[in-house]
Amino acid sequence: GEVAKVDGKISITYLQKQGDQEYFVGEAAGAKAKAAELGVDLKVVNLGNDANKTISEVQAAIAQKTNGVVIVVPDPAVGPQVVQAAKDAKVALLTSDDQIC
């Protein structure tokens, strides 16, 4: 779908399940390093295993005018809500590691 045009610096929100696990810690560190290299603002959020937090953090990212969301969902069932929220706000969406339903 269509996404909003970005004027100025790009901001991305990276929402991860289990962000305190070593795999995801390393993944976040790599994303931060690449974002810094590219001049992109990156915010990393640990969702734990909380599906409700997933929805509220997506909504918060959109409210904070993020240009894109990269997400590893703790529960694939929240996928339709995540996709719809991003689509309605014309925010780019990319899934990482796990697919969403």
PDB file of N, CA and C in Angstrom:
ATOM      1  N   GLY A   1       0.808  -1.187   0.000  1.00  0.00           N
ATOM      2  CA  GLY A   1       0.000   0.000   0.000  1.00  0.00           C
ATOM      3  C   GLY A   1       0.849   1.248   0.000  1.00  0.00           C
ATOM      4  N   GLU A   2       0.182   2.351  -0.017  1.00  0.00           N
ATOM      5  CA  GLU A   2       0.864   3.639  -0.015  1.00  0.00           C
ATOM      6  C   GLU A   2       1.380   3.974   1.379  1.00  0.00           C
ATOM      7  N   VAL A   3       2.532   4.629   1.393  1.00  0.00           N
ATOM      8  CA  VAL A   3       3.065   5.152   2.646  1.00  0.00           C
ATOM      9  C   VAL A   3       3.327   6.639   2.463  1.00  0.00           C
ATOM     10  N   ALA A   4       3.331   7.344   3.587  1.00  0.00           N
ATOM     11  CA  ALA A   4       3.531   8.793   3.543  1.00  0.00           C
ATOM     12  C   ALA A   4       4.958   9.120   3.118  1.00  0.00           C
ATOM     13  N   LYS A   5       5.100  10.189   2.349  1.00  0.00           N
ATOM     14  CA  LYS A   5       6.409  10.665   1.933  1.00  0.00           C
ATOM     15  C   LYS A   5       7.144  11.227   3.153  1.00  0.00           C
ATOM     16  N   VAL A   6       8.443  10.993   3.207  1.00  0.00           N
ATOM     17  CA  VAL A   6       9.248  11.467   4.329  1.00  0.00           C
ATOM     18  C   VAL A   6      10.003  12.720   3.912  1.00  0.00           C
ATOM     19  N   ASP A   7       9.805  13.776   4.668  1.00  0.00           N
ATOM     20  CA  ASP A   7      10.573  15.004   4.495  1.00  0.00           C
ATOM     21  C   ASP A   7      11.486  15.118   5.714  1.00  0.00           C
ATOM     22  N   GLY A   8      12.781  15.182   5.472  1.00  0.00           N
ATOM     23  CA  GLY A   8      13.714  15.272   6.586  1.00  0.00           C
ATOM     24  C   GLY A   8      14.219  13.911   7.016  1.00  0.00           C
ATOM     25  N   LYS A   9      14.625  13.831   8.263  1.00  0.00           N
ATOM     26  CA  LYS A   9      15.224  12.613   8.803  1.00  0.00           C
ATOM     27  C   LYS A   9      14.184  11.497   8.968  1.00  0.00           C
ATOM     28  N   ILE A  10      14.573  10.293   8.630  1.00  0.00           N
ATOM     29  CA  ILE A  10      13.696   9.124   8.751  1.00  0.00           C
ATOM     30  C   ILE A  10      13.749   8.606  10.184  1.00  0.00           C
ATOM     31  N   SER A  11      12.586   8.248  10.716  1.00  0.00           N
ATOM     32  CA  SER A  11      12.522   7.608  12.030  1.00  0.00           C
ATOM     33  C   SER A  11      11.825   6.261  11.886  1.00  0.00           C
ATOM     34  N   ILE A  12      12.405   5.274  12.540  1.00  0.00           N
ATOM     35  CA  ILE A  12      11.871   3.913  12.500  1.00  0.00           C
ATOM     36  C   ILE A  12      11.736   3.406  13.926  1.00  0.00           C
ATOM     37  N   THR A  13      10.660   2.693  14.177  1.00  0.00           N
ATOM     38  CA  THR A  13      10.446   2.048  15.468  1.00  0.00           C
ATOM     39  C   THR A  13      10.560   0.544  15.267  1.00  0.00           C
ATOM     40  N   TYR A  14      11.444  -0.064  16.051  1.00  0.00           N
ATOM     41  CA  TYR A  14      11.690  -1.505  15.965  1.00  0.00           C
ATOM     42  C   TYR A  14      11.104  -2.157  17.207  1.00  0.00           C
ATOM     43  N   LEU A  15      10.011  -2.864  17.032  1.00  0.00           N
ATOM     44  CA  LEU A  15       9.302  -3.522  18.131  1.00  0.00           C
ATOM     45  C   LEU A  15       9.658  -5.009  18.124  1.00  0.00           C
ATOM     46  N   GLN A  16      10.249  -5.475  19.230  1.00  0.00           N
ATOM     47  CA  GLN A  16      10.706  -6.863  19.301  1.00  0.00           C
ATOM     48  C   GLN A  16      10.039  -7.618  20.435  1.00  0.00           C
ATOM     49  N   LYS A  17       9.646  -8.841  20.150  1.00  0.00           N
ATOM     50  CA  LYS A  17       9.255  -9.719  21.245  1.00  0.00           C
ATOM     51  C   LYS A  17      10.535 -10.127  21.979  1.00  0.00           C
ATOM     52  N   GLN A  18      10.422 -10.424  23.233  1.00  0.00           N
ATOM     53  CA  GLN A  18      11.529 -10.971  24.027  1.00  0.00           C
ATOM     54  C   GLN A  18      12.849 -10.235  23.788  1.00  0.00           C
ATOM     55  N   GLY A  19      12.788  -8.905  23.808  1.00  0.00           N
ATOM     56  CA  GLY A  19      13.948  -8.075  23.521  1.00  0.00           C
ATOM     57  C   GLY A  19      15.088  -8.200  24.502  1.00  0.00           C
ATOM     58  N   ASP A  20      14.881  -8.931  25.583  1.00  0.00           N
ATOM     59  CA  ASP A  20      15.958  -9.146  26.542  1.00  0.00           C
ATOM     60  C   ASP A  20      16.723 -10.441  26.276  1.00  0.00           C
ATOM     61  N   GLN A  21      16.283 -11.242  25.319  1.00  0.00           N
ATOM     62  CA  GLN A  21      16.994 -12.477  24.954  1.00  0.00           C
ATOM     63  C   GLN A  21      18.197 -12.127  24.075  1.00  0.00           C
ATOM     64  N   GLU A  22      19.268 -12.873  24.235  1.00  0.00           N
ATOM     65  CA  GLU A  22      20.530 -12.561  23.561  1.00  0.00           C
ATOM     66  C   GLU A  22      20.379 -12.402  22.053  1.00  0.00           C
ATOM     67  N   TYR A  23      19.601 -13.256  21.414  1.00  0.00           N
ATOM     68  CA  TYR A  23      19.404 -13.156  19.965  1.00  0.00           C
ATOM     69  C   TYR A  23      18.861 -11.780  19.585  1.00  0.00           C
ATOM     70  N   PHE A  24      17.812 -11.351  20.285  1.00  0.00           N
ATOM     71  CA  PHE A  24      17.177 -10.079  19.963  1.00  0.00           C
ATOM     72  C   PHE A  24      18.016  -8.883  20.407  1.00  0.00           C
ATOM     73  N   VAL A  25      18.790  -9.045  21.472  1.00  0.00           N
ATOM     74  CA  VAL A  25      19.714  -7.990  21.892  1.00  0.00           C
ATOM     75  C   VAL A  25      20.728  -7.736  20.773  1.00  0.00           C
ATOM     76  N   GLY A  26      21.277  -8.820  20.222  1.00  0.00           N
ATOM     77  CA  GLY A  26      22.228  -8.697  19.119  1.00  0.00           C
ATOM     78  C   GLY A  26      21.600  -8.113  17.872  1.00  0.00           C
ATOM     79  N   GLU A  27      20.395  -8.528  17.608  1.00  0.00           N
ATOM     80  CA  GLU A  27      19.684  -8.019  16.432  1.00  0.00           C
ATOM     81  C   GLU A  27      19.431  -6.517  16.579  1.00  0.00           C
ATOM     82  N   ALA A  28      19.035  -6.085  17.765  1.00  0.00           N
ATOM     83  CA  ALA A  28      18.792  -4.661  18.017  1.00  0.00           C
ATOM     84  C   ALA A  28      20.090  -3.862  17.898  1.00  0.00           C
ATOM     85  N   ALA A  29      21.176  -4.424  18.394  1.00  0.00           N
ATOM     86  CA  ALA A  29      22.468  -3.735  18.298  1.00  0.00           C
ATOM     87  C   ALA A  29      22.872  -3.546  16.836  1.00  0.00           C
ATOM     88  N   GLY A  30      22.668  -4.561  16.027  1.00  0.00           N
ATOM     89  CA  GLY A  30      22.965  -4.454  14.599  1.00  0.00           C
ATOM     90  C   GLY A  30      22.088  -3.427  13.910  1.00  0.00           C
ATOM     91  N   ALA A  31      20.816  -3.403  14.270  1.00  0.00           N
ATOM     92  CA  ALA A  31      19.890  -2.426  13.685  1.00  0.00           C
ATOM     93  C   ALA A  31      20.284  -1.007  14.085  1.00  0.00           C
ATOM     94  N   LYS A  32      20.683  -0.822  15.343  1.00  0.00           N
ATOM     95  CA  LYS A  32      21.101   0.507  15.813  1.00  0.00           C
ATOM     96  C   LYS A  32      22.363   0.962  15.078  1.00  0.00           C
ATOM     97  N   ALA A  33      23.297   0.047  14.895  1.00  0.00           N
ATOM     98  CA  ALA A  33      24.544   0.396  14.199  1.00  0.00           C
ATOM     99  C   ALA A  33      24.264   0.806  12.756  1.00  0.00           C
ATOM    100  N   LYS A  34      23.409   0.053  12.077  1.00  0.00           N
ATOM    101  CA  LYS A  34      23.090   0.373  10.679  1.00  0.00           C
ATOM    102  C   LYS A  34      22.305   1.676  10.592  1.00  0.00           C
ATOM    103  N   ALA A  35      21.390   1.890  11.525  1.00  0.00           N
ATOM    104  CA  ALA A  35      20.618   3.141  11.535  1.00  0.00           C
ATOM    105  C   ALA A  35      21.545   4.334  11.732  1.00  0.00           C
ATOM    106  N   ALA A  36      22.496   4.213  12.632  1.00  0.00           N
ATOM    107  CA  ALA A  36      23.449   5.303  12.868  1.00  0.00           C
ATOM    108  C   ALA A  36      24.273   5.567  11.615  1.00  0.00           C
ATOM    109  N   GLU A  37      24.684   4.502  10.950  1.00  0.00           N
ATOM    110  CA  GLU A  37      25.456   4.630   9.711  1.00  0.00           C
ATOM    111  C   GLU A  37      24.669   5.366   8.633  1.00  0.00           C
ATOM    112  N   LEU A  38      23.364   5.109   8.573  1.00  0.00           N
ATOM    113  CA  LEU A  38      22.507   5.701   7.547  1.00  0.00           C
ATOM    114  C   LEU A  38      21.892   7.037   7.961  1.00  0.00           C
ATOM    115  N   GLY A  39      22.094   7.428   9.211  1.00  0.00           N
ATOM    116  CA  GLY A  39      21.506   8.682   9.681  1.00  0.00           C
ATOM    117  C   GLY A  39      20.019   8.585   9.967  1.00  0.00           C
ATOM    118  N   VAL A  40      19.565   7.404  10.361  1.00  0.00           N
ATOM    119  CA  VAL A  40      18.157   7.154  10.658  1.00  0.00           C
ATOM    120  C   VAL A  40      17.961   7.133  12.175  1.00  0.00           C
ATOM    121  N   ASP A  41      16.903   7.782  12.647  1.00  0.00           N
ATOM    122  CA  ASP A  41      16.545   7.675  14.061  1.00  0.00           C
ATOM    123  C   ASP A  41      15.865   6.328  14.275  1.00  0.00           C
ATOM    124  N   LEU A  42      16.365   5.537  15.207  1.00  0.00           N
ATOM    125  CA  LEU A  42      15.793   4.213  15.486  1.00  0.00           C
ATOM    126  C   LEU A  42      15.461   4.109  16.958  1.00  0.00           C
ATOM    127  N   LYS A  43      14.240   3.736  17.230  1.00  0.00           N
ATOM    128  CA  LYS A  43      13.796   3.470  18.598  1.00  0.00           C
ATOM    129  C   LYS A  43      13.498   1.977  18.687  1.00  0.00           C
ATOM    130  N   VAL A  44      14.114   1.300  19.655  1.00  0.00           N
ATOM    131  CA  VAL A  44      13.887  -0.127  19.860  1.00  0.00           C
ATOM    132  C   VAL A  44      13.025  -0.303  21.101  1.00  0.00           C
ATOM    133  N   VAL A  45      11.969  -1.121  20.979  1.00  0.00           N
ATOM    134  CA  VAL A  45      11.037  -1.352  22.080  1.00  0.00           C
ATOM    135  C   VAL A  45      10.937  -2.853  22.335  1.00  0.00           C
ATOM    136  N   ASN A  46      11.105  -3.250  23.593  1.00  0.00           N
ATOM    137  CA  ASN A  46      10.951  -4.645  24.002  1.00  0.00           C
ATOM    138  C   ASN A  46       9.483  -4.895  24.351  1.00  0.00           C
ATOM    139  N   LEU A  47       8.842  -5.759  23.592  1.00  0.00           N
ATOM    140  CA  LEU A  47       7.434  -6.084  23.834  1.00  0.00           C
ATOM    141  C   LEU A  47       7.257  -7.229  24.825  1.00  0.00           C
ATOM    142  N   GLY A  48       8.352  -7.918  25.150  1.00  0.00           N
ATOM    143  CA  GLY A  48       8.212  -9.109  25.977  1.00  0.00           C
ATOM    144  C   GLY A  48       7.377 -10.129  25.225  1.00  0.00           C
ATOM    145  N   ASN A  49       6.390 -10.675  25.885  1.00  0.00           N
ATOM    146  CA  ASN A  49       5.449 -11.609  25.248  1.00  0.00           C
ATOM    147  C   ASN A  49       4.023 -11.064  25.285  1.00  0.00           C
ATOM    148  N   ASP A  50       3.889  -9.754  25.351  1.00  0.00           N
ATOM    149  CA  ASP A  50       2.606  -9.103  25.589  1.00  0.00           C
ATOM    150  C   ASP A  50       1.951  -8.636  24.288  1.00  0.00           C
ATOM    151  N   ALA A  51       0.922  -9.342  23.873  1.00  0.00           N
ATOM    152  CA  ALA A  51       0.205  -8.990  22.644  1.00  0.00           C
ATOM    153  C   ALA A  51      -0.486  -7.638  22.769  1.00  0.00           C
ATOM    154  N   ASN A  52      -1.038  -7.333  23.936  1.00  0.00           N
ATOM    155  CA  ASN A  52      -1.702  -6.041  24.134  1.00  0.00           C
ATOM    156  C   ASN A  52      -0.706  -4.896  24.041  1.00  0.00           C
ATOM    157  N   LYS A  53       0.488  -5.097  24.606  1.00  0.00           N
ATOM    158  CA  LYS A  53       1.527  -4.074  24.524  1.00  0.00           C
ATOM    159  C   LYS A  53       1.921  -3.845  23.065  1.00  0.00           C
ATOM    160  N   THR A  54       1.875  -4.897  22.271  1.00  0.00           N
ATOM    161  CA  THR A  54       2.212  -4.772  20.856  1.00  0.00           C
ATOM    162  C   THR A  54       1.325  -3.736  20.188  1.00  0.00           C
ATOM    163  N   ILE A  55       0.039  -3.860  20.385  1.00  0.00           N
ATOM    164  CA  ILE A  55      -0.913  -2.929  19.768  1.00  0.00           C
ATOM    165  C   ILE A  55      -0.701  -1.518  20.304  1.00  0.00           C
ATOM    166  N   SER A  56      -0.555  -1.376  21.613  1.00  0.00           N
ATOM    167  CA  SER A  56      -0.399  -0.029  22.178  1.00  0.00           C
ATOM    168  C   SER A  56       0.916   0.611  21.731  1.00  0.00           C
ATOM    169  N   GLU A  57       1.983  -0.182  21.571  1.00  0.00           N
ATOM    170  CA  GLU A  57       3.264   0.384  21.129  1.00  0.00           C
ATOM    171  C   GLU A  57       3.234   0.754  19.643  1.00  0.00           C
ATOM    172  N   VAL A  58       2.509   0.003  18.839  1.00  0.00           N
ATOM    173  CA  VAL A  58       2.340   0.381  17.429  1.00  0.00           C
ATOM    174  C   VAL A  58       1.586   1.703  17.361  1.00  0.00           C
ATOM    175  N   GLN A  59       0.522   1.814  18.133  1.00  0.00           N
ATOM    176  CA  GLN A  59      -0.255   3.058  18.151  1.00  0.00           C
ATOM    177  C   GLN A  59       0.581   4.226  18.667  1.00  0.00           C
ATOM    178  N   ALA A  60       1.412   3.975  19.681  1.00  0.00           N
ATOM    179  CA  ALA A  60       2.274   5.028  20.217  1.00  0.00           C
ATOM    180  C   ALA A  60       3.306   5.466  19.176  1.00  0.00           C
ATOM    181  N   ALA A  61       3.882   4.518  18.471  1.00  0.00           N
ATOM    182  CA  ALA A  61       4.860   4.848  17.430  1.00  0.00           C
ATOM    183  C   ALA A  61       4.225   5.704  16.344  1.00  0.00           C
ATOM    184  N   ILE A  62       3.022   5.354  15.959  1.00  0.00           N
ATOM    185  CA  ILE A  62       2.302   6.120  14.941  1.00  0.00           C
ATOM    186  C   ILE A  62       2.012   7.526  15.466  1.00  0.00           C
ATOM    187  N   ALA A  63       1.582   7.621  16.715  1.00  0.00           N
ATOM    188  CA  ALA A  63       1.289   8.928  17.317  1.00  0.00           C
ATOM    189  C   ALA A  63       2.543   9.793  17.405  1.00  0.00           C
ATOM    190  N   GLN A  64       3.703   9.155  17.549  1.00  0.00           N
ATOM    191  CA  GLN A  64       4.978   9.877  17.623  1.00  0.00           C
ATOM    192  C   GLN A  64       5.547  10.154  16.237  1.00  0.00           C
ATOM    193  N   LYS A  65       4.745   9.901  15.211  1.00  0.00           N
ATOM    194  CA  LYS A  65       5.091  10.212  13.814  1.00  0.00           C
ATOM    195  C   LYS A  65       6.269   9.404  13.277  1.00  0.00           C
ATOM    196  N   THR A  66       6.371   8.136  13.690  1.00  0.00           N
ATOM    197  CA  THR A  66       7.391   7.279  13.102  1.00  0.00           C
ATOM    198  C   THR A  66       7.105   7.125  11.614  1.00  0.00           C
ATOM    199  N   ASN A  67       8.160   6.965  10.830  1.00  0.00           N
ATOM    200  CA  ASN A  67       7.982   6.763   9.391  1.00  0.00           C
ATOM    201  C   ASN A  67       7.826   5.300   9.027  1.00  0.00           C
ATOM    202  N   GLY A  68       8.281   4.432   9.933  1.00  0.00           N
ATOM    203  CA  GLY A  68       8.198   3.007   9.653  1.00  0.00           C
ATOM    204  C   GLY A  68       8.250   2.187  10.924  1.00  0.00           C
ATOM    205  N   VAL A  69       7.651   1.019  10.850  1.00  0.00           N
ATOM    206  CA  VAL A  69       7.660   0.074  11.965  1.00  0.00           C
ATOM    207  C   VAL A  69       8.244  -1.239  11.456  1.00  0.00           C
ATOM    208  N   VAL A  70       9.233  -1.717  12.194  1.00  0.00           N
ATOM    209  CA  VAL A  70       9.757  -3.068  11.987  1.00  0.00           C
ATOM    210  C   VAL A  70       9.322  -3.834  13.226  1.00  0.00           C
ATOM    211  N   ILE A  71       8.739  -5.018  13.039  1.00  0.00           N
ATOM    212  CA  ILE A  71       8.143  -5.692  14.187  1.00  0.00           C
ATOM    213  C   ILE A  71       8.412  -7.190  14.181  1.00  0.00           C
ATOM    214  N   VAL A  72       8.676  -7.696  15.377  1.00  0.00           N
ATOM    215  CA  VAL A  72       8.702  -9.133  15.664  1.00  0.00           C
ATOM    216  C   VAL A  72       7.580  -9.336  16.675  1.00  0.00           C
ATOM    217  N   VAL A  73       6.466  -9.845  16.222  1.00  0.00           N
ATOM    218  CA  VAL A  73       5.291  -9.948  17.094  1.00  0.00           C
ATOM    219  C   VAL A  73       5.418 -11.104  18.076  1.00  0.00           C
ATOM    220  N   PRO A  74       4.957 -10.906  19.319  1.00  0.00           N
ATOM    221  CA  PRO A  74       4.952 -12.002  20.278  1.00  0.00           C
ATOM    222  C   PRO A  74       3.824 -13.002  20.016  1.00  0.00           C
ATOM    223  N   ASP A  75       2.807 -12.554  19.273  1.00  0.00           N
ATOM    224  CA  ASP A  75       1.659 -13.410  18.948  1.00  0.00           C
ATOM    225  C   ASP A  75       1.203 -13.054  17.533  1.00  0.00           C
ATOM    226  N   PRO A  76       1.318 -13.997  16.594  1.00  0.00           N
ATOM    227  CA  PRO A  76       0.945 -13.701  15.208  1.00  0.00           C
ATOM    228  C   PRO A  76      -0.511 -13.250  15.048  1.00  0.00           C
ATOM    229  N   ALA A  77      -1.360 -13.569  16.015  1.00  0.00           N
ATOM    230  CA  ALA A  77      -2.777 -13.216  15.916  1.00  0.00           C
ATOM    231  C   ALA A  77      -3.019 -11.703  15.943  1.00  0.00           C
ATOM    232  N   VAL A  78      -2.059 -10.917  16.437  1.00  0.00           N
ATOM    233  CA  VAL A  78      -2.244  -9.465  16.447  1.00  0.00           C
ATOM    234  C   VAL A  78      -1.907  -8.856  15.095  1.00  0.00           C
ATOM    235  N   GLY A  79      -1.445  -9.673  14.184  1.00  0.00           N
ATOM    236  CA  GLY A  79      -1.046  -9.211  12.866  1.00  0.00           C
ATOM    237  C   GLY A  79      -2.054  -8.332  12.158  1.00  0.00           C
ATOM    238  N   PRO A  80      -3.316  -8.751  12.054  1.00  0.00           N
ATOM    239  CA  PRO A  80      -4.290  -7.908  11.343  1.00  0.00           C
ATOM    240  C   PRO A  80      -4.429  -6.505  11.945  1.00  0.00           C
ATOM    241  N   GLN A  81      -4.384  -6.395  13.265  1.00  0.00           N
ATOM    242  CA  GLN A  81      -4.487  -5.085  13.905  1.00  0.00           C
ATOM    243  C   GLN A  81      -3.249  -4.238  13.600  1.00  0.00           C
ATOM    244  N   VAL A  82      -2.083  -4.863  13.641  1.00  0.00           N
ATOM    245  CA  VAL A  82      -0.837  -4.148  13.349  1.00  0.00           C
ATOM    246  C   VAL A  82      -0.852  -3.651  11.905  1.00  0.00           C
ATOM    247  N   VAL A  83      -1.201  -4.529  10.988  1.00  0.00           N
ATOM    248  CA  VAL A  83      -1.231  -4.175   9.569  1.00  0.00           C
ATOM    249  C   VAL A  83      -2.233  -3.047   9.316  1.00  0.00           C
ATOM    250  N   GLN A  84      -3.403  -3.149   9.899  1.00  0.00           N
ATOM    251  CA  GLN A  84      -4.432  -2.129   9.677  1.00  0.00           C
ATOM    252  C   GLN A  84      -4.007  -0.783  10.237  1.00  0.00           C
ATOM    253  N   ALA A  85      -3.419  -0.784  11.431  1.00  0.00           N
ATOM    254  CA  ALA A  85      -2.973   0.481  12.032  1.00  0.00           C
ATOM    255  C   ALA A  85      -1.913   1.144  11.160  1.00  0.00           C
ATOM    256  N   ALA A  86      -0.951   0.365  10.683  1.00  0.00           N
ATOM    257  CA  ALA A  86       0.101   0.921   9.822  1.00  0.00           C
ATOM    258  C   ALA A  86      -0.478   1.420   8.506  1.00  0.00           C
ATOM    259  N   LYS A  87      -1.380   0.632   7.935  1.00  0.00           N
ATOM    260  CA  LYS A  87      -1.996   1.014   6.661  1.00  0.00           C
ATOM    261  C   LYS A  87      -2.805   2.303   6.800  1.00  0.00           C
ATOM    262  N   ASP A  88      -3.600   2.390   7.849  1.00  0.00           N
ATOM    263  CA  ASP A  88      -4.423   3.584   8.070  1.00  0.00           C
ATOM    264  C   ASP A  88      -3.570   4.836   8.244  1.00  0.00           C
ATOM    265  N   ALA A  89      -2.408   4.683   8.884  1.00  0.00           N
ATOM    266  CA  ALA A  89      -1.526   5.822   9.139  1.00  0.00           C
ATOM    267  C   ALA A  89      -0.528   6.057   8.008  1.00  0.00           C
ATOM    268  N   LYS A  90      -0.560   5.195   6.989  1.00  0.00           N
ATOM    269  CA  LYS A  90       0.387   5.261   5.864  1.00  0.00           C
ATOM    270  C   LYS A  90       1.839   5.182   6.344  1.00  0.00           C
ATOM    271  N   VAL A  91       2.047   4.281   7.303  1.00  0.00           N
ATOM    272  CA  VAL A  91       3.369   4.031   7.872  1.00  0.00           C
ATOM    273  C   VAL A  91       3.889   2.723   7.286  1.00  0.00           C
ATOM    274  N   ALA A  92       5.126   2.752   6.812  1.00  0.00           N
ATOM    275  CA  ALA A  92       5.741   1.542   6.259  1.00  0.00           C
ATOM    276  C   ALA A  92       5.833   0.480   7.346  1.00  0.00           C
ATOM    277  N   LEU A  93       5.624  -0.789   6.962  1.00  0.00           N
ATOM    278  CA  LEU A  93       5.640  -1.902   7.910  1.00  0.00           C
ATOM    279  C   LEU A  93       6.487  -3.025   7.346  1.00  0.00           C
ATOM    280  N   LEU A  94       7.360  -3.555   8.188  1.00  0.00           N
ATOM    281  CA  LEU A  94       8.204  -4.691   7.833  1.00  0.00           C
ATOM    282  C   LEU A  94       8.200  -5.660   9.002  1.00  0.00           C
ATOM    283  N   THR A  95       7.973  -6.929   8.732  1.00  0.00           N
ATOM    284  CA  THR A  95       8.061  -7.922   9.787  1.00  0.00           C
ATOM    285  C   THR A  95       9.461  -8.520   9.780  1.00  0.00           C
ATOM    286  N   SER A  96       9.879  -8.921  10.958  1.00  0.00           N
ATOM    287  CA  SER A  96      11.212  -9.482  11.129  1.00  0.00           C
ATOM    288  C   SER A  96      11.104 -10.773  11.925  1.00  0.00           C
ATOM    289  N   ASP A  97      11.811 -11.784  11.519  1.00  0.00           N
ATOM    290  CA  ASP A  97      11.916 -13.065  12.232  1.00  0.00           C
ATOM    291  C   ASP A  97      10.662 -13.920  12.179  1.00  0.00           C
ATOM    292  N   ASP A  98       9.529 -13.395  12.559  1.00  0.00           N
ATOM    293  CA  ASP A  98       8.285 -14.173  12.586  1.00  0.00           C
ATOM    294  C   ASP A  98       7.255 -13.517  11.679  1.00  0.00           C
ATOM    295  N   GLN A  99       6.461 -14.354  11.032  1.00  0.00           N
ATOM    296  CA  GLN A  99       5.396 -13.786  10.196  1.00  0.00           C
ATOM    297  C   GLN A  99       4.197 -13.417  11.055  1.00  0.00           C
ATOM    298  N   ILE A 100       3.363 -12.564  10.505  1.00  0.00           N
ATOM    299  CA  ILE A 100       2.114 -12.219  11.196  1.00  0.00           C
ATOM    300  C   ILE A 100       0.959 -12.723  10.347  1.00  0.00           C
ATOM    301  N   CYS A 101      -0.121 -13.066  11.015  1.00  0.00           N
ATOM    302  CA  CYS A 101      -1.293 -13.611  10.325  1.00  0.00           C
ATOM    303  C   CYS A 101      -2.121 -12.494   9.723  1.00  0.00           C
TER     304      CYS A 101
END
